[in-house]
Protein backbone atom coordinates (compact mmCIF):
# COMPACT_ATOMS: atom_id res chain seq x y z
CA UNK A 1 8.02 -44.73 7.65
CA UNK A 2 4.12 -44.52 7.74
CA UNK A 3 2.62 -41.65 5.66
CA UNK A 4 -0.89 -40.47 5.88
CA UNK A 5 -3.00 -40.40 2.67
CA UNK A 6 -1.74 -37.15 1.56
CA UNK A 7 1.92 -38.08 1.89
CA UNK A 8 2.18 -35.99 5.29
CA UNK A 9 4.26 -38.01 7.81
CA UNK A 10 2.31 -39.91 10.63
CA UNK A 11 3.25 -39.23 14.04
CA UNK A 12 5.60 -42.34 14.48
CA UNK A 13 9.18 -41.13 15.03
CA UNK A 14 12.21 -42.86 15.67
CA UNK A 15 13.69 -40.48 18.46
CA UNK A 16 12.08 -39.35 21.78
CA UNK A 17 10.60 -35.94 21.82
CA UNK A 18 12.53 -35.08 24.89
CA UNK A 19 15.89 -35.64 23.26
CA UNK A 20 15.11 -33.31 20.41
CA UNK A 21 16.33 -29.68 19.75
CA UNK A 22 14.22 -26.60 19.22
CA UNK A 23 14.43 -25.45 15.81
CA UNK A 24 14.28 -21.63 15.04
CA UNK A 25 14.42 -20.78 11.23
CA UNK A 26 14.85 -16.87 11.15
CA UNK A 27 14.05 -15.76 7.32
CA UNK A 28 14.59 -12.56 5.81
CA UNK A 29 13.27 -11.00 2.32
CA UNK A 30 15.56 -9.82 -0.21
CA UNK A 31 18.90 -10.06 1.52
CA UNK A 32 22.07 -10.30 -0.60
CA UNK A 33 24.62 -12.99 0.31
CA UNK A 34 27.28 -10.36 0.95
CA UNK A 35 25.27 -7.79 3.08
CA UNK A 36 26.13 -9.06 6.60
CA UNK A 37 29.18 -8.11 8.70
CA UNK A 38 30.29 -11.80 9.02
CA UNK A 39 30.23 -12.03 5.19
CA UNK A 40 33.12 -9.32 5.28
CA UNK A 41 31.07 -6.27 4.66
CA UNK A 42 32.51 -3.94 7.18
CA UNK A 43 29.77 -1.09 6.27
CA UNK A 44 26.88 -3.30 7.50
CA UNK A 45 26.13 -3.50 11.23
CA UNK A 46 24.89 -6.96 12.26
CA UNK A 47 26.58 -7.93 15.46
CA UNK A 48 23.69 -10.13 16.49
CA UNK A 49 23.42 -12.05 13.19
CA UNK A 50 27.21 -12.36 13.06
CA UNK A 51 27.05 -14.00 16.63
CA UNK A 52 25.14 -16.77 14.91
CA UNK A 53 28.04 -17.30 12.43
CA UNK A 54 30.62 -16.86 14.91
CA UNK A 55 28.93 -19.60 17.23
CA UNK A 56 28.04 -21.75 14.23
CA UNK A 57 28.70 -22.55 10.53
CA UNK A 58 28.33 -20.12 7.69
CA UNK A 59 27.89 -21.31 4.10
CA UNK A 60 29.54 -19.07 1.54
CA UNK A 61 27.80 -20.47 -1.42
CA UNK A 62 24.11 -21.00 -0.69
CA UNK A 63 21.69 -20.67 -3.55
CA UNK A 64 17.87 -20.42 -3.83
CA UNK A 65 15.64 -22.23 -6.05
CA UNK A 66 14.01 -19.04 -7.69
CA UNK A 67 14.80 -15.30 -7.72
CA UNK A 68 11.45 -14.12 -6.32
CA UNK A 69 9.54 -14.63 -3.16
CA UNK A 70 6.64 -17.35 -3.38
CA UNK A 71 8.65 -19.84 -5.39
CA UNK A 72 11.75 -19.64 -3.37
CA UNK A 73 9.84 -19.78 0.00
CA UNK A 74 7.91 -22.86 -1.26
CA UNK A 75 11.15 -24.49 -2.10
CA UNK A 76 12.55 -23.70 1.27
CA UNK A 77 9.44 -24.87 3.23
CA UNK A 78 8.91 -28.08 1.07
CA UNK A 79 12.35 -29.28 0.19
CA UNK A 80 11.09 -29.32 -3.44
CA UNK A 81 12.08 -27.44 -6.56
CA UNK A 82 9.37 -25.29 -8.14
CA UNK A 83 8.93 -27.90 -11.00
CA UNK A 84 7.72 -30.22 -8.16
CA UNK A 85 5.75 -27.85 -5.58
CA UNK A 86 4.12 -26.13 -8.30
CA UNK A 87 4.59 -22.51 -7.26
CA UNK A 88 6.27 -21.18 -10.38
CA UNK A 89 5.63 -17.46 -9.77
CA UNK A 90 4.22 -14.92 -7.17
CA UNK A 91 0.49 -15.38 -7.31
CA UNK A 92 0.39 -19.14 -7.48
CA UNK A 93 -0.49 -20.62 -4.11
CA UNK A 94 0.99 -23.71 -2.49
CA UNK A 95 -1.37 -26.53 -2.71
CA UNK A 96 -3.68 -27.01 0.54
CA UNK A 97 -6.64 -29.13 0.71
CA UNK A 98 -8.75 -26.60 2.59
CA UNK A 99 -8.36 -24.06 -0.27
CA UNK A 100 -9.93 -26.56 -2.85
CA UNK A 101 -13.65 -27.31 -2.28
CA UNK A 102 -14.37 -30.75 -3.53
CA UNK A 103 -10.84 -31.67 -3.97
CA UNK A 104 -10.98 -34.68 -1.77
CA UNK A 105 -13.70 -36.17 -3.82
CA UNK A 106 -11.86 -35.37 -6.92
CA UNK A 107 -8.91 -37.33 -5.80
CA UNK A 108 -10.48 -40.22 -3.92
CA UNK A 109 -12.56 -41.63 -6.88
CA UNK A 110 -11.73 -42.96 -10.07
CA UNK A 111 -8.45 -45.00 -8.76
CA UNK A 112 -6.74 -41.84 -7.64
CA UNK A 113 -6.15 -42.90 -4.17
CA UNK A 114 -2.64 -41.97 -2.92
CA UNK A 115 -2.01 -39.19 -5.08
CA UNK A 116 -0.92 -36.04 -3.33
CA UNK A 117 -3.70 -33.51 -2.74
CA UNK A 118 -1.47 -31.42 -0.74
CA UNK A 119 2.22 -30.50 -0.52
CA UNK A 120 3.77 -31.22 2.77
CA UNK A 121 5.72 -28.61 4.45
CA UNK A 122 8.55 -28.35 7.07
CA UNK A 123 5.79 -27.46 9.39
CA UNK A 124 3.81 -30.80 8.73
CA UNK A 125 7.13 -32.98 9.17
CA UNK A 126 7.94 -31.33 12.61
CA UNK A 127 4.26 -31.22 13.70
CA UNK A 128 3.69 -34.84 12.92
CA UNK A 129 6.93 -35.76 15.10
CA UNK A 130 5.47 -33.95 18.13
CA UNK A 131 6.85 -30.49 17.76
CA UNK A 132 4.61 -27.64 18.44
CA UNK A 133 4.94 -25.27 15.33
CA UNK A 134 4.48 -21.55 14.91
CA UNK A 135 4.95 -19.01 12.06
CA UNK A 136 5.49 -15.22 12.54
CA UNK A 137 5.61 -12.26 10.20
CA UNK A 138 5.94 -12.89 6.27
CA UNK A 139 5.43 -16.51 5.33
CA UNK A 140 4.08 -15.79 1.73
CA UNK A 141 3.02 -19.34 0.38
CA UNK A 142 -0.15 -17.59 -1.11
CA UNK A 143 -0.85 -14.48 -3.29
CA UNK A 144 -1.30 -11.42 -0.96
CA UNK A 145 -3.57 -9.74 -3.36
CA UNK A 146 -5.92 -12.89 -4.11
CA UNK A 147 -9.70 -12.46 -4.35
CA UNK A 148 -11.46 -12.67 -1.20
CA UNK A 149 -13.66 -15.45 -2.14
CA UNK A 150 -10.66 -17.85 -2.31
CA UNK A 151 -10.45 -17.43 1.46
CA UNK A 152 -6.62 -17.34 1.56
CA UNK A 153 -5.32 -16.62 5.02
CA UNK A 154 -2.28 -14.18 3.32
CA UNK A 155 -4.85 -12.28 1.27
CA UNK A 156 -5.29 -8.78 2.47
CA UNK A 157 -8.77 -8.74 0.53
CA UNK A 158 -9.90 -11.85 2.62
CA UNK A 159 -8.77 -9.78 5.90
CA UNK A 160 -11.03 -6.92 4.84
CA UNK A 161 -13.94 -9.15 4.98
CA UNK A 162 -13.63 -9.43 8.84
CA UNK A 163 -13.87 -13.13 8.91
CA UNK A 164 -10.22 -13.50 10.20
CA UNK A 165 -10.61 -11.48 13.50
CA UNK A 166 -10.21 -14.69 15.71
CA UNK A 167 -7.86 -16.59 13.47
CA UNK A 168 -4.34 -17.79 14.72
CA UNK A 169 -3.76 -20.83 12.68
CA UNK A 170 -3.52 -23.80 11.68
CA UNK A 171 -1.68 -22.81 8.62
CA UNK A 172 0.31 -25.09 6.29
CA UNK A 173 1.23 -27.49 9.03
CA UNK A 174 1.88 -24.51 11.72
CA UNK A 175 -0.34 -24.90 14.68
CA UNK A 176 -0.03 -21.33 15.42
CA UNK A 177 0.27 -18.36 12.87
CA UNK A 178 0.73 -14.58 13.47
CA UNK A 179 1.26 -12.66 10.08
CA UNK A 180 2.39 -9.50 8.87
CA UNK A 181 1.04 -8.94 5.32
CA UNK A 182 2.54 -6.78 2.55
CA UNK A 183 5.42 -4.40 2.41
CA UNK A 184 3.96 -0.85 1.90
CA UNK A 185 2.76 0.63 5.01
CA UNK A 186 -0.81 0.81 3.93
CA UNK A 187 -0.80 -2.73 3.49
CA UNK A 188 0.86 -3.52 6.86
CA UNK A 189 -1.52 -1.40 8.66
CA UNK A 190 -4.68 -2.93 6.72
CA UNK A 191 -4.32 -6.47 7.20
CA UNK A 192 -2.77 -9.38 9.24
CA UNK A 193 -2.14 -9.74 13.00
CA UNK A 194 0.47 -6.92 12.84
CA UNK A 195 -2.12 -4.54 11.66
CA UNK A 196 -4.38 -5.33 14.63
CA UNK A 197 -1.57 -4.89 17.02
CA UNK A 198 -0.60 -1.57 15.56
CA UNK A 199 -4.08 -0.36 15.88
CA UNK A 200 -4.12 -1.17 19.49
CA UNK A 201 -0.92 0.48 20.19
CA UNK A 202 -1.48 3.75 18.11
CA UNK A 203 -4.72 3.91 16.37
CA UNK A 204 -3.81 7.34 15.02
CA UNK A 205 -0.80 6.25 13.31
CA UNK A 206 -2.61 3.10 11.95
CA UNK A 207 -5.31 4.89 10.40
CA UNK A 208 -2.90 7.81 9.19
CA UNK A 209 -1.02 4.98 7.24
CA UNK A 210 -4.22 3.85 5.40
CA UNK A 211 -5.46 7.21 4.79
CA UNK A 212 -2.32 8.91 3.76
CA UNK A 213 0.24 6.17 2.62
CA UNK A 214 4.00 7.30 2.37
CA UNK A 215 5.83 7.05 -0.86
CA UNK A 216 9.01 8.41 -2.62
CA UNK A 217 10.64 8.22 -5.98
CA UNK A 218 11.95 4.56 -6.76
CA UNK A 219 10.22 3.56 -3.60
CA UNK A 220 12.74 5.20 -1.26
CA UNK A 221 11.52 7.19 1.58
CA UNK A 222 11.73 7.64 5.26
CA UNK A 223 9.31 5.22 6.99
CA UNK A 224 6.95 6.70 9.29
CA UNK A 225 6.51 4.04 11.84
CA UNK A 226 8.98 4.35 14.68
CA UNK A 227 11.29 1.46 15.55
CA UNK A 228 9.63 0.34 18.75
CA UNK A 229 6.26 -0.05 16.68
CA UNK A 230 7.93 -1.53 13.41
CA UNK A 231 7.09 -5.07 12.31
CA UNK A 232 10.48 -6.14 13.18
CA UNK A 233 10.41 -5.35 16.73
CA UNK A 234 6.80 -6.75 16.90
CA UNK A 235 8.01 -10.27 15.39
CA UNK A 236 10.69 -10.51 18.14
CA UNK A 237 8.13 -10.07 20.90
CA UNK A 238 5.45 -12.14 19.26
CA UNK A 239 7.98 -15.12 18.96
CA UNK A 240 9.23 -14.48 22.43
CA UNK A 241 5.69 -14.56 23.97
CA UNK A 242 4.65 -17.69 22.06
CA UNK A 243 7.75 -19.52 23.26
CA UNK A 244 6.81 -18.58 26.79
CA UNK A 245 8.06 -21.04 29.45
CA UNK A 246 7.06 -24.32 27.84
CA UNK A 247 10.30 -26.33 27.73
CA UNK A 248 8.68 -29.77 27.87
CA UNK A 249 7.64 -29.77 24.15
CA UNK A 250 10.19 -28.92 21.55
CA UNK A 251 9.39 -26.31 19.13
CA UNK A 252 9.88 -25.50 15.44
CA UNK A 253 9.24 -21.95 14.53
CA UNK A 254 9.45 -19.71 11.47
CA UNK A 255 10.14 -15.95 12.02
CA UNK A 256 9.84 -14.17 8.64
CA UNK A 257 10.87 -10.57 8.54
CA UNK A 258 9.57 -8.69 5.69
CA UNK A 259 12.69 -6.47 5.18
CA UNK A 260 14.71 -5.51 3.75
CA UNK A 261 12.69 -5.84 0.69
CA UNK A 262 11.61 -2.63 -0.99
CA UNK A 263 10.30 -0.11 -0.31
CA UNK A 264 13.45 1.27 1.22
CA UNK A 265 11.63 2.77 4.11
CA UNK A 266 13.61 2.31 7.59
CA UNK A 267 12.09 4.03 10.58
CA UNK A 268 12.65 7.77 10.87
CA UNK A 269 14.38 7.41 14.32
CA UNK A 270 16.88 4.88 13.10
CA UNK A 271 17.94 6.88 10.01
CA UNK A 272 19.91 9.54 12.11
CA UNK A 273 22.50 6.56 12.63
CA UNK A 274 22.91 6.17 8.98
CA UNK A 275 23.23 9.88 7.99
CA UNK A 276 27.06 9.56 7.37
CA UNK A 277 26.86 5.89 6.35
CA UNK A 278 29.33 5.27 3.37
CA UNK A 279 28.84 1.70 1.95
CA UNK A 280 31.02 2.70 -1.18
CA UNK A 281 29.97 2.74 -4.61
CA UNK A 282 28.26 -0.31 -6.25
CA UNK A 283 30.43 -2.28 -8.75
CA UNK A 284 30.85 0.16 -11.84
CA UNK A 285 29.47 -2.20 -14.42
CA UNK A 286 27.27 0.21 -16.22
CA UNK A 287 25.80 -1.41 -19.35
CA UNK A 288 28.08 -4.45 -19.14
CA UNK A 289 25.56 -6.79 -17.52
CA UNK A 290 22.86 -5.95 -20.24
CA UNK A 291 25.16 -6.19 -23.19
CA UNK A 292 26.60 -9.50 -21.85
CA UNK A 293 23.29 -11.35 -22.03
CA UNK A 294 20.53 -10.94 -24.83
CA UNK A 295 18.21 -13.04 -22.85
CA UNK A 296 18.67 -10.86 -19.80
CA UNK A 297 18.13 -7.97 -22.02
CA UNK A 298 14.94 -9.44 -23.44
CA UNK A 299 13.55 -9.98 -19.80
CA UNK A 300 14.34 -6.41 -18.97
CA UNK A 301 12.43 -4.88 -21.93
CA UNK A 302 9.72 -7.54 -22.45
CA UNK A 303 8.79 -8.34 -18.94
CA UNK A 304 9.05 -4.91 -17.25
CA UNK A 305 7.92 -1.64 -18.86
CA UNK A 306 10.59 1.10 -19.77
CA UNK A 307 9.76 2.89 -16.38
CA UNK A 308 10.20 0.08 -14.00
CA UNK A 309 12.03 1.29 -10.90
CA UNK A 310 14.76 -1.18 -10.83
CA UNK A 311 15.75 -0.52 -14.29
CA UNK A 312 19.13 1.52 -14.55
CA UNK A 313 18.76 4.24 -11.95
CA UNK A 314 21.41 6.77 -11.43
CA UNK A 315 24.25 6.56 -8.88
CA UNK A 316 22.96 8.86 -6.25
CA UNK A 317 19.58 6.91 -6.26
CA UNK A 318 21.35 3.57 -5.83
CA UNK A 319 23.55 5.02 -2.93
CA UNK A 320 20.66 6.25 -1.03
CA UNK A 321 18.73 2.95 -1.46
CA UNK A 322 21.84 1.07 -0.37
CA UNK A 323 22.06 3.44 2.79
CA UNK A 324 18.40 2.94 3.63
CA UNK A 325 18.82 -0.78 3.18
CA UNK A 326 21.66 -0.74 5.62
CA UNK A 327 19.42 0.79 8.09
CA UNK A 328 16.64 -1.69 7.55
CA UNK A 329 19.16 -4.65 7.99
CA UNK A 330 20.18 -3.09 11.45
CA UNK A 331 16.65 -3.20 12.52
CA UNK A 332 16.27 -6.76 11.69
CA UNK A 333 19.62 -7.32 13.48
CA UNK A 334 18.36 -5.57 16.58
CA UNK A 335 15.25 -7.90 16.65
CA UNK A 336 17.48 -10.99 16.05
CA UNK A 337 19.48 -9.76 18.95
CA UNK A 338 16.42 -9.71 21.13
CA UNK A 339 15.39 -13.27 20.11
CA UNK A 340 18.81 -14.53 21.04
CA UNK A 341 18.86 -12.74 24.38
CA UNK A 342 15.55 -14.50 25.29
CA UNK A 343 16.87 -18.02 24.17
CA UNK A 344 20.07 -17.08 26.59
CA UNK A 345 17.93 -15.99 29.46
CA UNK A 346 15.50 -19.07 29.30
CA UNK A 347 18.28 -21.48 29.10
CA UNK A 348 17.17 -22.66 25.65
CA UNK A 349 20.37 -21.77 23.65
CA UNK A 350 22.20 -24.95 24.30
CA UNK A 351 19.32 -26.86 22.80
CA UNK A 352 18.03 -24.77 19.94
CA UNK A 353 19.13 -24.94 16.38
CA UNK A 354 18.98 -21.47 14.99
CA UNK A 355 19.07 -21.13 11.05
CA UNK A 356 19.26 -17.67 9.40
CA UNK A 357 18.64 -17.17 5.58
CA UNK A 358 16.84 -15.27 2.99
CA UNK A 359 14.63 -15.96 -0.18
CA UNK A 360 16.66 -14.04 -2.63
CA UNK A 361 18.92 -11.11 -3.14
CA UNK A 362 18.85 -7.60 -4.67
CA UNK A 363 20.99 -5.96 -7.32
CA UNK A 364 21.39 -2.94 -5.06
CA UNK A 365 23.35 -1.06 -7.48
CA UNK A 366 25.24 -3.80 -9.20
CA UNK A 367 24.90 -3.50 -13.05
CA UNK A 368 23.15 -0.17 -12.23
CA UNK A 369 20.11 -2.09 -11.48
CA UNK A 370 17.78 -2.09 -8.28
CA UNK A 371 15.57 -4.28 -6.65
CA UNK A 372 14.95 -7.92 -8.42
CA UNK A 373 13.38 -9.52 -11.09
CA UNK A 374 12.70 -13.13 -12.91
CA UNK A 375 16.23 -13.36 -14.26
CA UNK A 376 19.14 -15.76 -13.04
CA UNK A 377 22.08 -13.83 -11.57
CA UNK A 378 24.40 -14.37 -8.82
CA UNK A 379 23.06 -11.06 -7.07
CA UNK A 380 19.50 -12.69 -6.83
CA UNK A 381 19.97 -16.35 -6.36
CA UNK A 382 22.88 -16.30 -3.82
CA UNK A 383 21.73 -15.51 -0.13
CA UNK A 384 23.15 -16.14 3.47
CA UNK A 385 22.82 -19.47 5.29
CA UNK A 386 24.04 -19.72 9.01
CA UNK A 387 23.43 -22.49 11.25
CA UNK A 388 24.04 -22.71 15.03
CA UNK A 389 23.27 -24.93 17.72
CA UNK A 390 24.01 -28.54 19.40
CA UNK A 391 26.34 -30.68 17.08
CA UNK A 392 26.97 -27.88 14.71
CA UNK A 393 30.58 -26.95 14.22
CA UNK A 394 31.65 -23.63 15.91
CA UNK A 395 33.06 -20.72 13.90
CA UNK A 396 33.40 -22.89 10.66
CA UNK A 397 32.95 -21.96 6.93
CA UNK A 398 31.60 -24.22 4.21
CA UNK A 399 32.56 -23.26 0.68
CA UNK A 400 30.69 -25.98 -1.32
CA UNK A 401 27.31 -25.34 -2.99
CA UNK A 402 24.04 -25.89 -1.10
CA UNK A 403 20.53 -25.01 -1.91
CA UNK A 404 17.52 -23.77 0.11
CA UNK A 405 15.78 -27.17 -0.69
CA UNK A 406 18.40 -28.59 1.47
CA UNK A 407 17.55 -26.78 4.55
CA UNK A 408 14.47 -28.93 5.51
CA UNK A 409 16.17 -32.43 5.36
CA UNK A 410 19.13 -31.16 7.17
CA UNK A 411 17.00 -29.67 9.84
CA UNK A 412 14.81 -32.78 10.02
CA UNK A 413 17.97 -34.99 10.24
CA UNK A 414 19.39 -33.05 13.11
CA UNK A 415 16.07 -33.69 14.92
CA UNK A 416 15.91 -37.25 14.02
CA UNK A 417 12.82 -36.88 11.77
CA UNK A 418 12.61 -38.92 8.41
CA UNK A 419 11.44 -36.93 5.37
CA UNK A 420 8.75 -38.22 2.85
CA UNK A 421 9.62 -39.40 -0.65
CA UNK A 422 8.81 -36.18 -2.36
CA UNK A 423 11.55 -34.20 -0.68
CA UNK A 424 14.28 -33.54 -3.16
CA UNK A 425 17.05 -31.60 -1.09
CA UNK A 426 19.76 -33.48 0.81
CA UNK A 427 21.01 -33.35 4.43
CA UNK A 428 24.39 -31.31 3.91
CA UNK A 429 25.54 -31.97 7.31
CA UNK A 430 25.81 -35.87 7.18
CA UNK A 431 25.83 -36.27 3.56
CA UNK A 432 28.08 -33.29 2.33
CA UNK A 433 28.78 -35.00 -1.11
CA UNK A 434 25.53 -35.58 -3.20
CA UNK A 435 25.28 -38.97 -5.26
CA UNK A 436 26.40 -36.96 -8.26
CA UNK A 437 29.70 -36.60 -6.71
CA UNK A 438 29.60 -32.76 -6.98
CA UNK A 439 27.76 -30.33 -4.92
CA UNK A 440 25.22 -28.11 -7.01
CA UNK A 441 22.17 -26.00 -6.65
CA UNK A 442 19.35 -25.84 -9.30
CA UNK A 443 17.34 -22.93 -9.82
CA UNK A 444 14.47 -22.01 -12.14
CA UNK A 445 12.24 -19.06 -13.33
CA UNK A 446 9.16 -19.25 -15.50
CA UNK A 447 8.36 -16.21 -17.20
CA UNK A 448 5.77 -14.96 -19.76
CA UNK A 449 6.51 -11.61 -21.25
CA UNK A 450 4.12 -8.76 -22.09
CA UNK A 451 4.49 -10.05 -25.64
CA UNK A 452 3.42 -13.57 -24.85
CA UNK A 453 6.96 -14.78 -25.35
CA UNK A 454 8.50 -17.37 -22.83
CA UNK A 455 11.80 -16.63 -21.25
CA UNK A 456 11.78 -19.35 -18.89
CA UNK A 457 15.49 -20.19 -17.34
CA UNK A 458 16.96 -23.10 -15.63
CA UNK A 459 20.17 -22.65 -13.56
CA UNK A 460 22.63 -25.03 -12.07
CA UNK A 461 25.49 -23.64 -9.95
CA UNK A 462 28.48 -25.62 -8.71
CA UNK A 463 31.32 -24.69 -6.79
CA UNK A 464 32.65 -22.43 -9.26
CA UNK A 465 30.47 -21.94 -12.20
CA UNK A 466 26.90 -20.74 -12.85
CA UNK A 467 25.05 -22.22 -16.14
CA UNK A 468 21.61 -21.02 -17.23
CA UNK A 469 19.80 -22.34 -19.85
CA UNK A 470 16.98 -20.44 -21.71
CA UNK A 471 15.29 -23.42 -23.69
CA UNK A 472 12.51 -21.11 -25.38
CA UNK A 473 15.04 -18.37 -26.10
CA UNK A 474 17.09 -19.82 -28.98
CA UNK A 475 18.38 -22.50 -26.69
CA UNK A 476 20.63 -19.67 -25.26
CA UNK A 477 23.29 -20.44 -22.77
CA UNK A 478 25.22 -18.61 -20.03
CA UNK A 479 28.32 -19.68 -18.35
CA UNK A 480 30.08 -17.52 -15.56
CA UNK A 481 33.28 -18.25 -13.85
CA UNK A 482 32.67 -16.98 -10.25
CA UNK A 483 36.23 -17.21 -9.34
CA UNK A 484 37.65 -15.17 -12.29
CA UNK A 485 34.32 -13.05 -12.66
CA UNK A 486 32.37 -12.68 -9.54
CA UNK A 487 30.28 -9.95 -11.00
CA UNK A 488 29.21 -12.08 -14.18
CA UNK A 489 30.36 -9.92 -16.93
CA UNK A 490 31.74 -12.34 -19.40
CA UNK A 491 29.64 -15.05 -20.73
CA UNK A 492 31.85 -18.21 -21.36
CA UNK A 493 29.28 -20.46 -22.92
CA UNK A 494 31.24 -20.36 -26.35
CA UNK A 495 34.61 -20.71 -24.78
CA UNK A 496 36.05 -23.76 -26.41
CA UNK A 497 38.27 -24.69 -23.35
CA UNK A 498 35.07 -25.22 -21.27
CA UNK A 499 33.02 -26.99 -23.50
CA UNK A 500 33.04 -30.26 -21.86
CA UNK A 501 32.50 -28.81 -18.50
CA UNK A 502 29.75 -26.88 -19.88
CA UNK A 503 28.02 -30.14 -21.55
CA UNK A 504 28.43 -31.97 -18.21
CA UNK A 505 26.56 -29.19 -16.38
CA UNK A 506 23.93 -28.97 -19.08
CA UNK A 507 23.30 -32.65 -18.83
CA UNK A 508 23.10 -32.55 -15.16
CA UNK A 509 20.64 -29.63 -15.10
CA UNK A 510 18.40 -31.34 -17.79
CA UNK A 511 18.43 -34.56 -15.75
CA UNK A 512 17.33 -32.87 -12.72
CA UNK A 513 14.47 -30.92 -14.22
CA UNK A 514 13.11 -33.89 -15.95
CA UNK A 515 13.23 -35.92 -12.55
CA UNK A 516 11.65 -33.17 -10.76
CA UNK A 517 8.73 -32.43 -13.07
CA UNK A 518 5.60 -33.64 -11.34
CA UNK A 519 2.67 -31.90 -12.68
CA UNK A 520 0.20 -34.15 -10.60
CA UNK A 521 1.32 -32.25 -7.59
CA UNK A 522 -1.11 -29.49 -8.97
CA UNK A 523 -4.68 -30.43 -8.36
CA UNK A 524 -6.36 -27.83 -10.60
CA UNK A 525 -9.23 -27.91 -8.14
CA UNK A 526 -9.65 -24.05 -8.20
CA UNK A 527 -11.53 -24.07 -11.54
């Protein structure tokens, strides 16, 4: 396949555009793998999301490459592990040439021709193949609080300059972009396309959110934005409008819902439906999680101050956070329903692949913790993955381990689009067994604590176990058996009967990390 100088595919393709399906990637933020009705959680009302599973394929063991937003999203949208794409934490932008003045000169002299000067995204691949591409809502490939002079399109500070008034893309390969920025109401009302729309719809509400932003203990409170004006509803309508009546050119769209990420603030007119909601108590594991893992205890104490909201809050607070999360998920499901109904009404359902997933999970009371952090844990690393559309098995389940870096090559293969050499994921539909013979997912977190101590972790999950390695923390290892210990309370790393399996997983993890490490993907042009 021909590629351009920066490794983004050229427009030469092997399959006529007219034969290709539309691709819709629906993405949520901070949604646990077990918080959908189709996952067996009868307390969660998600009939429309469940429809995707009923009419398609649900993966019961889908792992993401990182436990926080930006690294995980960059992995999903590039098909690469963080060690390759370089977004190792929130605040590190995915490389793009237009955000590195002088980078072209830097890499086109001294024999550097052919080196990557930007990391291609899924939108680059589909756009080069003749798709029209659009992104809506939260994408988060850039830090949202970046300095305005960096001119990042996702920076609320850059939006404050007024220079973004007529901007609708391009953005990381997406031809069209309409963004919702931040999670707190003041941010939502201040910057991004959603803020502009909200100001037109209800200027008083928009100004009140900026002047008197709401709040509550542990970031749990009743949201002041009604459901009809909420960004979940706005997202559904903006995507529907963009699709329009153009059925001649296939589309690739990313619809990124900012919820159910904290703050836990569903619309006030939705909460009434959840006053009597009983999601059951979280797993009663107080203390066991922290005592089981010295490394995680160090993360809790060194990375986050003792007053951090996610640390060991009481049961009533946890139950309230779970109830409010259930309401936020309902709002997302309602928007998904409107999107699916539009596809039905316009005759697009039979030729549209719909994928549904999330960037990471939330403790939501397990181990008496709330929210998330940079620590390996099943509650944070395992998220939903649903796939529906032409050629996808109906009502099927897959129990083998897949990764969010596999989504790009799988969707590309469905559309008949070849991927560039940098993509590390695999097409899990036509190649269900990886070259190693065992399906695994690799995850990583890079951490520098308040006390300048590195607590990086590397994780490998297979169909039964989760192995995590802390190379800078006394070479500490964790091994959890998810068949016998789904809540991860008993570290088996020193169990002699599992020593051989642990060594094999450890070797595979180290080999993968070494093969993936690619520091030249980082241009260091923003000095």
